């Protein structure tokens, strides 16, 4: 069975984060760092700072939307001040 993940990557140079979902986070990170993603290309290099796994794609997408819409979560991710799973 496939696992689906939400992931957060950070550009330290530009102090930006990007939140996405994928079934293969490692290859997706490489894709971001090779400049093949229009929205992240100008802010390379990226590094993985957070990920969560889900059995169902719909659950991963729901969690991705939740994180993207929460200013508090985004702020904690950007500062990397979270410890354990982010709520």
Protein backbone atom coordinates (compact mmCIF):
# COMPACT_ATOMS: atom_id res chain seq x y z
CA UNK A 1 0.00 0.00 0.00
CA UNK A 2 1.24 3.47 -0.86
CA UNK A 3 1.95 5.99 1.81
CA UNK A 4 1.33 9.65 1.27
CA UNK A 5 3.26 12.38 3.02
CA UNK A 6 3.01 16.06 3.61
CA UNK A 7 6.38 17.72 3.69
CA UNK A 8 7.83 21.09 4.52
CA UNK A 9 11.03 22.31 2.91
CA UNK A 10 12.96 25.43 3.79
CA UNK A 11 15.23 27.77 1.90
CA UNK A 12 17.68 29.07 4.50
CA UNK A 13 19.13 31.65 2.12
CA UNK A 14 15.75 33.27 1.49
CA UNK A 15 14.05 32.27 4.79
CA UNK A 16 11.08 30.74 2.97
CA UNK A 17 9.14 27.53 3.48
CA UNK A 18 7.15 25.43 1.03
CA UNK A 19 4.46 22.96 2.07
CA UNK A 20 3.50 20.12 -0.25
CA UNK A 21 2.46 16.49 -0.46
CA UNK A 22 3.91 13.52 -2.30
CA UNK A 23 4.14 9.74 -2.23
CA UNK A 24 7.94 10.03 -2.60
CA UNK A 25 9.34 12.93 -0.60
CA UNK A 26 13.00 12.25 -1.43
CA UNK A 27 12.49 12.43 -5.18
CA UNK A 28 10.18 15.43 -4.77
CA UNK A 29 12.90 17.30 -2.83
CA UNK A 30 15.37 16.55 -5.63
CA UNK A 31 12.81 17.87 -8.11
CA UNK A 32 12.55 21.14 -6.15
CA UNK A 33 16.34 21.48 -5.94
CA UNK A 34 16.89 20.93 -9.67
CA UNK A 35 14.67 23.92 -10.45
CA UNK A 36 11.84 21.97 -12.09
CA UNK A 37 9.15 23.48 -9.85
CA UNK A 38 8.30 27.01 -10.99
CA UNK A 39 7.27 28.33 -7.57
CA UNK A 40 10.40 27.10 -5.75
CA UNK A 41 13.05 27.53 -8.44
CA UNK A 42 14.24 31.05 -7.41
CA UNK A 43 14.74 30.06 -3.76
CA UNK A 44 17.04 27.04 -4.07
CA UNK A 45 18.58 25.18 -2.31
CA UNK A 46 15.84 23.56 -0.22
CA UNK A 47 16.13 21.17 2.71
CA UNK A 48 13.50 18.98 4.31
CA UNK A 49 12.52 20.22 7.76
CA UNK A 50 9.30 18.30 8.46
CA UNK A 51 7.11 15.47 7.19
CA UNK A 52 4.09 13.42 8.23
CA UNK A 53 2.88 10.15 6.69
CA UNK A 54 -0.69 9.05 5.98
CA UNK A 55 -2.23 5.84 4.66
CA UNK A 56 -4.73 7.74 2.50
CA UNK A 57 -4.01 10.52 0.04
CA UNK A 58 -7.16 12.40 1.06
CA UNK A 59 -5.91 12.58 4.67
CA UNK A 60 -2.54 13.95 3.53
CA UNK A 61 -4.22 16.61 1.39
CA UNK A 62 -6.52 17.58 4.27
CA UNK A 63 -3.51 17.98 6.58
CA UNK A 64 -1.64 19.97 3.93
CA UNK A 65 -4.54 22.43 3.68
CA UNK A 66 -4.70 22.68 7.47
CA UNK A 67 -1.01 23.55 7.75
CA UNK A 68 -1.15 26.03 4.87
CA UNK A 69 -4.11 27.86 6.42
CA UNK A 70 -2.66 28.15 9.94
CA UNK A 71 -0.45 31.16 10.49
CA UNK A 72 0.73 29.79 13.84
CA UNK A 73 1.89 26.49 12.34
CA UNK A 74 3.60 28.25 9.43
CA UNK A 75 5.37 30.59 11.85
CA UNK A 76 6.59 27.68 14.02
CA UNK A 77 7.81 25.83 10.93
CA UNK A 78 9.65 28.85 9.60
CA UNK A 79 11.41 29.40 12.93
CA UNK A 80 11.82 25.63 13.46
CA UNK A 81 10.59 26.03 17.03
CA UNK A 82 8.37 22.92 17.08
CA UNK A 83 9.21 19.78 18.98
CA UNK A 84 7.49 16.63 17.76
CA UNK A 85 4.31 16.62 15.69
CA UNK A 86 2.90 20.04 14.93
CA UNK A 87 -0.70 20.60 15.92
